[in-house]
Amino acid sequence: MPWDPAQYLKFAGHRLRPAVDLLNWIDVANPTEVYDLGAGAGNVTRLLKTRWPSARITGVDESQEMLEKAAIGAPEIVWQRADLATWRPLRPADVIYSNAALHWLGDHDRLFPALFAALAPGGVLAVQMPRNFSAPSHTAIAEAVRSGPWRTTLEPLLRPAPVAEPAFYFDLLAPRAAALDIWETEYLQALEGDHPVKEWAKGTWLGPLLDLLDEPERSRFEACYAELVARAYPRRPDGRTLFPFRRLFILAKARAG
């Protein structure tokens, strides 16, 4: 589905923080081949190039809109449009990095071992995925979908929580990895502006649903969701809205040979 880079980047600072946290934990000194899966608008991919300036950095994404924006800001990076579910590197990867992308894909029991198998000896698979799907920001989407005349159109797009418990990924990768580190962090995000949680969701989970509706149903559905999350995340007297957000981190290192 098409994405709106400008909407996604409204909260670029908050979205960037877990990406940087993940990057800082990757212990690879001089990689040759580095891939960023779900590169989006390229703001994180450029950090990979800064971290490893001599490496070949390839940003991979399914969205042409995102890649066009990314290429303008970083022509020195290779930009590749591909289906992340079936993508494999042309050469063994020293680092496969993915920030907030793989939760859009299913079949993690197949996907993660396949990505890990694409690593060069001693390579690292580094993944961050949101695991906030039981929070009101996400459950309110289903509630809004089922509360109006748009239900028939939108309900088939609802899906169960796409990210499993941390132990699931441990069981998948531990038998294969030389080293494995999995942890969760909940970020207490202080958002500013009107209806910030709704605006956040429009940049990801809510956006594709809105794109399926014509006016006036689109505006009514958006207003319905906005009311639900405004109750769950009230605006504080200082004008800010606290939005806790949990994320899962995975660092898996391949055996040396």
Protein backbone atom coordinates (compact mmCIF):
# COMPACT_ATOMS: atom_id res chain seq x y z
CA MET A 1 0.00 0.00 0.00
CA PRO A 2 1.20 3.56 -0.63
CA TRP A 3 2.75 5.45 2.28
CA ASP A 4 2.96 9.14 3.00
CA PRO A 5 6.56 9.94 4.00
CA ALA A 6 5.60 13.37 5.39
CA GLN A 7 2.99 11.86 7.73
CA TYR A 8 5.38 9.17 8.93
CA LEU A 9 8.14 11.69 9.61
CA LYS A 10 5.94 14.00 11.73
CA PHE A 11 7.34 12.16 14.74
CA ALA A 12 10.77 11.46 13.28
CA GLY A 13 12.58 12.13 16.56
CA HIS A 14 10.55 9.61 18.55
CA ARG A 15 10.69 7.05 15.74
CA LEU A 16 14.45 7.52 15.39
CA ARG A 17 15.34 6.85 19.02
CA PRO A 18 14.83 3.04 19.03
CA ALA A 19 16.59 2.84 15.66
CA VAL A 20 19.65 4.53 17.15
CA ASP A 21 19.45 2.37 20.26
CA LEU A 22 19.51 -0.75 18.08
CA LEU A 23 22.37 0.55 15.94
CA ASN A 24 24.48 1.36 19.00
CA TRP A 25 24.32 -2.27 20.16
CA ILE A 26 25.63 -3.79 16.90
CA ASP A 27 29.18 -4.98 17.50
CA VAL A 28 30.58 -5.18 13.95
CA ALA A 29 33.68 -3.12 13.24
CA ASN A 30 34.25 -3.07 9.46
CA PRO A 31 31.39 -4.65 7.52
CA THR A 32 31.43 -4.84 3.73
CA GLU A 33 27.76 -5.50 3.01
CA VAL A 34 25.08 -3.80 5.12
CA TYR A 35 21.35 -3.95 4.36
CA ASP A 36 18.56 -1.85 5.85
CA LEU A 37 15.26 -3.70 5.44
CA GLY A 38 12.28 -1.38 5.48
CA ALA A 39 14.49 1.64 4.82
CA GLY A 40 11.52 3.94 4.30
CA ALA A 41 12.49 7.55 3.75
CA GLY A 42 16.14 6.73 4.46
CA ASN A 43 16.70 8.72 7.64
CA VAL A 44 17.98 5.63 9.47
CA THR A 45 19.85 4.25 6.45
CA ARG A 46 21.93 7.41 6.37
CA LEU A 47 22.97 6.70 9.97
CA LEU A 48 24.22 3.29 8.87
CA LYS A 49 26.36 5.00 6.23
CA THR A 50 27.73 7.37 8.86
CA ARG A 51 28.53 4.45 11.18
CA TRP A 52 30.20 2.40 8.42
CA PRO A 53 31.32 4.84 5.68
CA SER A 54 33.41 2.27 3.78
CA ALA A 55 30.63 -0.34 3.61
CA ARG A 56 28.22 -0.85 0.74
CA ILE A 57 24.91 0.25 2.28
CA THR A 58 21.71 -0.92 0.59
CA GLY A 59 18.32 0.41 1.66
CA VAL A 60 15.48 -1.95 0.79
CA ASP A 61 11.80 -1.04 0.86
CA GLU A 62 8.54 -1.93 -0.88
CA SER A 63 7.31 1.69 -1.10
CA GLN A 64 8.32 3.61 -4.21
CA GLU A 65 7.20 6.84 -2.53
CA MET A 66 9.56 6.30 0.38
CA LEU A 67 12.50 5.28 -1.81
CA GLU A 68 12.14 8.31 -4.06
CA LYS A 69 12.37 10.56 -1.03
CA ALA A 70 15.32 8.60 0.33
CA ALA A 71 17.31 8.74 -2.90
CA ILE A 72 17.14 12.53 -3.03
CA GLY A 73 18.85 12.87 0.34
CA ALA A 74 21.44 10.11 -0.03
CA PRO A 75 22.49 9.26 -3.59
CA GLU A 76 25.62 7.50 -2.28
CA ILE A 77 23.43 4.70 -0.88
CA VAL A 78 22.04 1.90 -3.06
CA TRP A 79 18.22 1.97 -2.98
CA GLN A 80 16.37 -1.22 -3.87
CA ARG A 81 12.65 -1.78 -4.21
CA ALA A 82 11.75 -5.32 -3.18
CA ASP A 83 9.18 -7.44 -1.38
CA LEU A 84 10.67 -7.86 2.08
CA ALA A 85 8.90 -11.19 2.52
CA THR A 86 10.95 -12.79 -0.26
CA TRP A 87 14.05 -10.55 -0.37
CA ARG A 88 17.47 -12.14 -0.07
CA PRO A 89 20.84 -10.40 -0.47
CA LEU A 90 22.91 -10.96 -3.60
CA ARG A 91 25.97 -11.45 -1.39
CA PRO A 92 26.19 -12.73 2.20
CA ALA A 93 25.46 -9.85 4.57
CA ASP A 94 27.69 -8.66 7.36
CA VAL A 95 24.75 -6.76 8.84
CA ILE A 96 21.04 -7.13 8.15
CA TYR A 97 19.37 -4.29 10.01
CA SER A 98 15.63 -3.69 10.23
CA ASN A 99 13.92 -1.00 12.25
CA ALA A 100 10.11 -1.09 12.61
CA ALA A 101 9.45 -3.04 9.41
CA LEU A 102 9.28 -6.81 9.88
CA HIS A 103 6.08 -6.67 11.93
CA TRP A 104 4.30 -5.87 8.65
CA LEU A 105 5.19 -9.36 7.44
CA GLY A 106 3.75 -12.70 8.45
CA ASP A 107 5.33 -16.14 8.84
CA HIS A 108 8.02 -15.05 11.27
CA ASP A 109 8.81 -18.70 11.92
CA ARG A 110 10.05 -18.86 8.32
CA LEU A 111 11.20 -15.26 7.82
CA PHE A 112 13.66 -14.93 10.70
CA PRO A 113 15.59 -18.16 10.04
CA ALA A 114 15.78 -17.24 6.34
CA LEU A 115 17.22 -13.80 7.09
CA PHE A 116 19.65 -15.26 9.59
CA ALA A 117 20.80 -17.80 7.00
CA ALA A 118 21.67 -14.92 4.64
CA LEU A 119 24.39 -13.65 6.99
CA ALA A 120 28.09 -14.00 6.30
CA PRO A 121 30.10 -15.83 8.99
CA GLY A 122 30.14 -13.59 12.05
CA GLY A 123 27.40 -11.39 10.60
CA VAL A 124 24.62 -9.86 12.67
CA LEU A 125 20.86 -9.75 12.28
CA ALA A 126 19.60 -6.65 14.13
CA VAL A 127 15.85 -6.12 14.37
CA GLN A 128 13.54 -3.75 16.19
CA MET A 129 9.76 -4.20 16.03
CA PRO A 130 6.96 -2.46 17.90
CA ARG A 131 5.15 -4.67 20.40
CA ASN A 132 2.47 -2.23 21.43
CA PHE A 133 -0.47 -4.00 19.83
CA SER A 134 -2.42 -4.55 23.04
CA ALA A 135 -2.26 -0.83 23.90
CA PRO A 136 -5.28 1.47 23.33
CA SER A 137 -3.56 3.13 20.37
CA HIS A 138 -3.95 -0.13 18.47
CA THR A 139 -7.01 -1.75 20.03
CA ALA A 140 -8.97 1.45 19.34
CA ILE A 141 -8.41 0.92 15.62
CA ALA A 142 -10.40 -2.32 15.73
CA GLU A 143 -13.03 -0.67 17.93
CA ALA A 144 -13.42 2.21 15.49
CA VAL A 145 -13.55 -0.15 12.50
CA ARG A 146 -16.42 -2.12 14.01
CA SER A 147 -18.44 0.91 15.09
CA GLY A 148 -19.52 2.44 11.80
CA PRO A 149 -20.80 1.87 8.26
CA TRP A 150 -17.21 1.38 7.06
CA ARG A 151 -16.99 -1.95 8.89
CA THR A 152 -17.60 -4.08 5.79
CA THR A 153 -14.79 -2.33 3.94
CA LEU A 154 -12.22 -2.20 6.71
CA GLU A 155 -12.74 -5.24 8.92
CA PRO A 156 -11.07 -7.70 6.50
CA LEU A 157 -7.86 -5.69 6.93
CA LEU A 158 -7.72 -6.15 10.70
CA ARG A 159 -5.11 -8.65 11.76
CA PRO A 160 -3.99 -10.21 15.02
CA ALA A 161 -0.92 -8.90 16.81
CA PRO A 162 1.91 -9.56 14.33
CA VAL A 163 4.78 -9.76 16.83
CA ALA A 164 5.09 -12.77 19.10
CA GLU A 165 6.40 -13.01 22.63
CA PRO A 166 10.19 -12.60 22.99
CA ALA A 167 10.57 -16.32 23.81
CA PHE A 168 9.25 -17.19 20.35
CA TYR A 169 12.18 -15.44 18.68
CA PHE A 170 14.62 -16.88 21.20
CA ASP A 171 13.49 -20.41 20.33
CA LEU A 172 13.82 -19.66 16.60
CA LEU A 173 17.30 -18.18 16.69
CA ALA A 174 19.12 -19.62 19.71
CA PRO A 175 19.90 -22.99 18.06
CA ARG A 176 21.40 -21.16 15.07
CA ALA A 177 23.23 -18.22 16.63
CA ALA A 178 26.67 -17.88 18.15
CA ALA A 179 25.24 -15.11 20.35
CA LEU A 180 21.71 -13.88 20.89
CA ASP A 181 20.38 -10.89 22.81
CA ILE A 182 16.66 -10.09 23.03
CA TRP A 183 15.11 -7.34 25.13
CA GLU A 184 12.17 -4.96 25.33
CA THR A 185 12.05 -1.24 26.06
CA GLU A 186 8.97 0.88 26.73
CA TYR A 187 9.50 4.49 25.71
CA LEU A 188 7.41 7.11 27.48
CA GLN A 189 6.91 9.50 24.58
CA ALA A 190 5.74 13.03 25.33
CA LEU A 191 3.93 14.12 22.15
CA GLU A 192 2.85 17.62 21.27
CA GLY A 193 0.09 19.04 19.09
CA ASP A 194 -3.58 18.26 18.53
CA HIS A 195 -4.59 14.58 18.56
CA PRO A 196 -0.96 13.41 18.46
CA VAL A 197 -1.68 9.70 18.98
CA LYS A 198 -4.11 9.75 16.08
CA GLU A 199 -1.53 11.56 13.95
CA TRP A 200 1.08 8.98 14.98
CA ALA A 201 -1.20 6.11 13.93
CA LYS A 202 -1.94 7.78 10.59
CA GLY A 203 1.74 7.41 9.75
CA THR A 204 1.57 3.63 10.11
CA TRP A 205 -1.29 1.33 11.13
CA LEU A 206 -4.22 3.69 10.55
CA GLY A 207 -3.08 5.17 7.25
CA PRO A 208 -3.87 2.22 4.94
CA LEU A 209 -7.38 1.99 6.38
CA LEU A 210 -8.06 5.67 5.78
CA ASP A 211 -6.84 5.31 2.20
CA LEU A 212 -9.62 2.81 1.48
CA LEU A 213 -12.40 5.23 2.37
CA ASP A 214 -13.91 8.11 0.43
CA GLU A 215 -15.36 11.21 2.01
CA PRO A 216 -17.33 11.70 4.16
CA GLU A 217 -16.71 8.23 5.65
CA ARG A 218 -12.96 8.80 5.82
CA SER A 219 -13.35 11.88 8.02
CA ARG A 220 -15.96 10.22 10.20
CA PHE A 221 -13.83 7.13 10.76
CA GLU A 222 -10.80 9.28 11.58
CA ALA A 223 -12.85 11.34 14.04
CA CYS A 224 -14.18 8.17 15.67
CA TYR A 225 -10.65 6.85 16.23
CA ALA A 226 -9.44 10.27 17.41
CA GLU A 227 -12.13 10.38 20.09
CA LEU A 228 -11.25 6.90 21.36
CA VAL A 229 -7.53 7.56 21.71
CA ALA A 230 -8.06 11.05 23.14
CA ARG A 231 -9.89 9.38 26.05
CA ALA A 232 -7.15 6.79 26.47
CA TYR A 233 -4.32 9.33 26.19
CA PRO A 234 -5.62 12.64 27.59
CA ARG A 235 -3.83 15.87 26.91
CA ARG A 236 -1.96 17.11 29.98
CA PRO A 237 -2.18 20.65 31.44
CA ASP A 238 1.20 21.44 29.87
CA GLY A 239 -0.24 20.64 26.43
CA ARG A 240 1.64 17.39 25.95
CA THR A 241 0.27 13.85 25.62
CA LEU A 242 2.07 10.89 27.15
CA PHE A 243 2.19 7.92 24.80
CA PRO A 244 3.97 4.81 26.21
CA PHE A 245 5.26 2.58 23.42
CA ARG A 246 6.86 -0.85 23.81
CA ARG A 247 9.44 -2.17 21.36
CA LEU A 248 11.19 -5.53 20.93
CA PHE A 249 14.90 -5.72 20.07
CA ILE A 250 16.76 -8.72 18.63
CA LEU A 251 20.50 -9.08 18.03
CA ALA A 252 21.57 -12.44 16.60
CA LYS A 253 25.16 -13.15 15.58
CA ALA A 254 26.12 -15.89 13.13
CA ARG A 255 28.86 -18.37 13.91
CA ALA A 256 32.29 -17.48 12.64
CA GLY A 257 32.55 -20.39 10.27
